[in-house]
Structures are given as structure tokens and as C-alpha cells.
């Protein structure tokens, strides 16, 4: 058994944040992320994880709402951002999406602002509505 195999055997391979035997937050194969002990994710890992998540959610959105691909870049970005945060819950914004698809921009923006989402994350909702 080589050193990597031995470490994996002892640390385990965990795909979510967990507390180790000392109660410190770790992830993966014993990667300390607990800031109390100087743990963190390196920037290149954060960027790679974001790239993965971005493509995953962008592609999911385009499969569920193929017409989004026909929107201009700014409105696509707004919907991708909303989907990134809300995931499938964005599909519950039926009136807003209907207005967007019909290019009734002001009505769509009003629907987005008049939502529980806008009370939970007002700055983000205002940004997205403004882009629409």
C-alpha cells in the first residue's frame, strides 16, 4: 500500500463537509476547511467547483427552458443567476417566465420583485429584475 492509499484508508473519502474526530470541519480526503485552524479551500479548487456548478445549472436551465438560449446575453445571465440560486424553484415563477418568454420585460421584472425570493435576497432579486 502506498502513502496515498494509506491516507485514503485512514481518512476516508467524503463528498460533503463533515466534522473529524476533533470536531473540525473537513471535506474530501481529510482536507481541513475549518477556519478556526487555518483550513480553507484553495482558490483553484473554488474556481473548479464553481465552473462545475455553473455548467451543471446552466445546462439544466437550458434543458428545462430551451427558449432561454434565444434571449440576449444579459437576460440569459439573469436567468442563469436566478437558477443557480433557486435551482428548480425558478420554474415556480410561472408568470415571470411567461412574461419573459413573451418579451414583456417590465411585467416580468414586476413579478420577480413581487415574490418571496425578493424579500429573502432583495439585492439579488433587484439586480436580476433590472437585467430582465
Foldseek 3Di string as FASTA:
>chain_A
DDPVVVQCVVQPAAQDWDQPPVGFTAHGRRQGPRVVVPGNDDPVVVVVVVVVLLVVQLVVVCVVPVCLVVDDPLLNVLVSVVCSVCPPCVVVLPQLVVCVSVVVLLSNLVSLCPDPVCVVPVVSSNSSSVSD
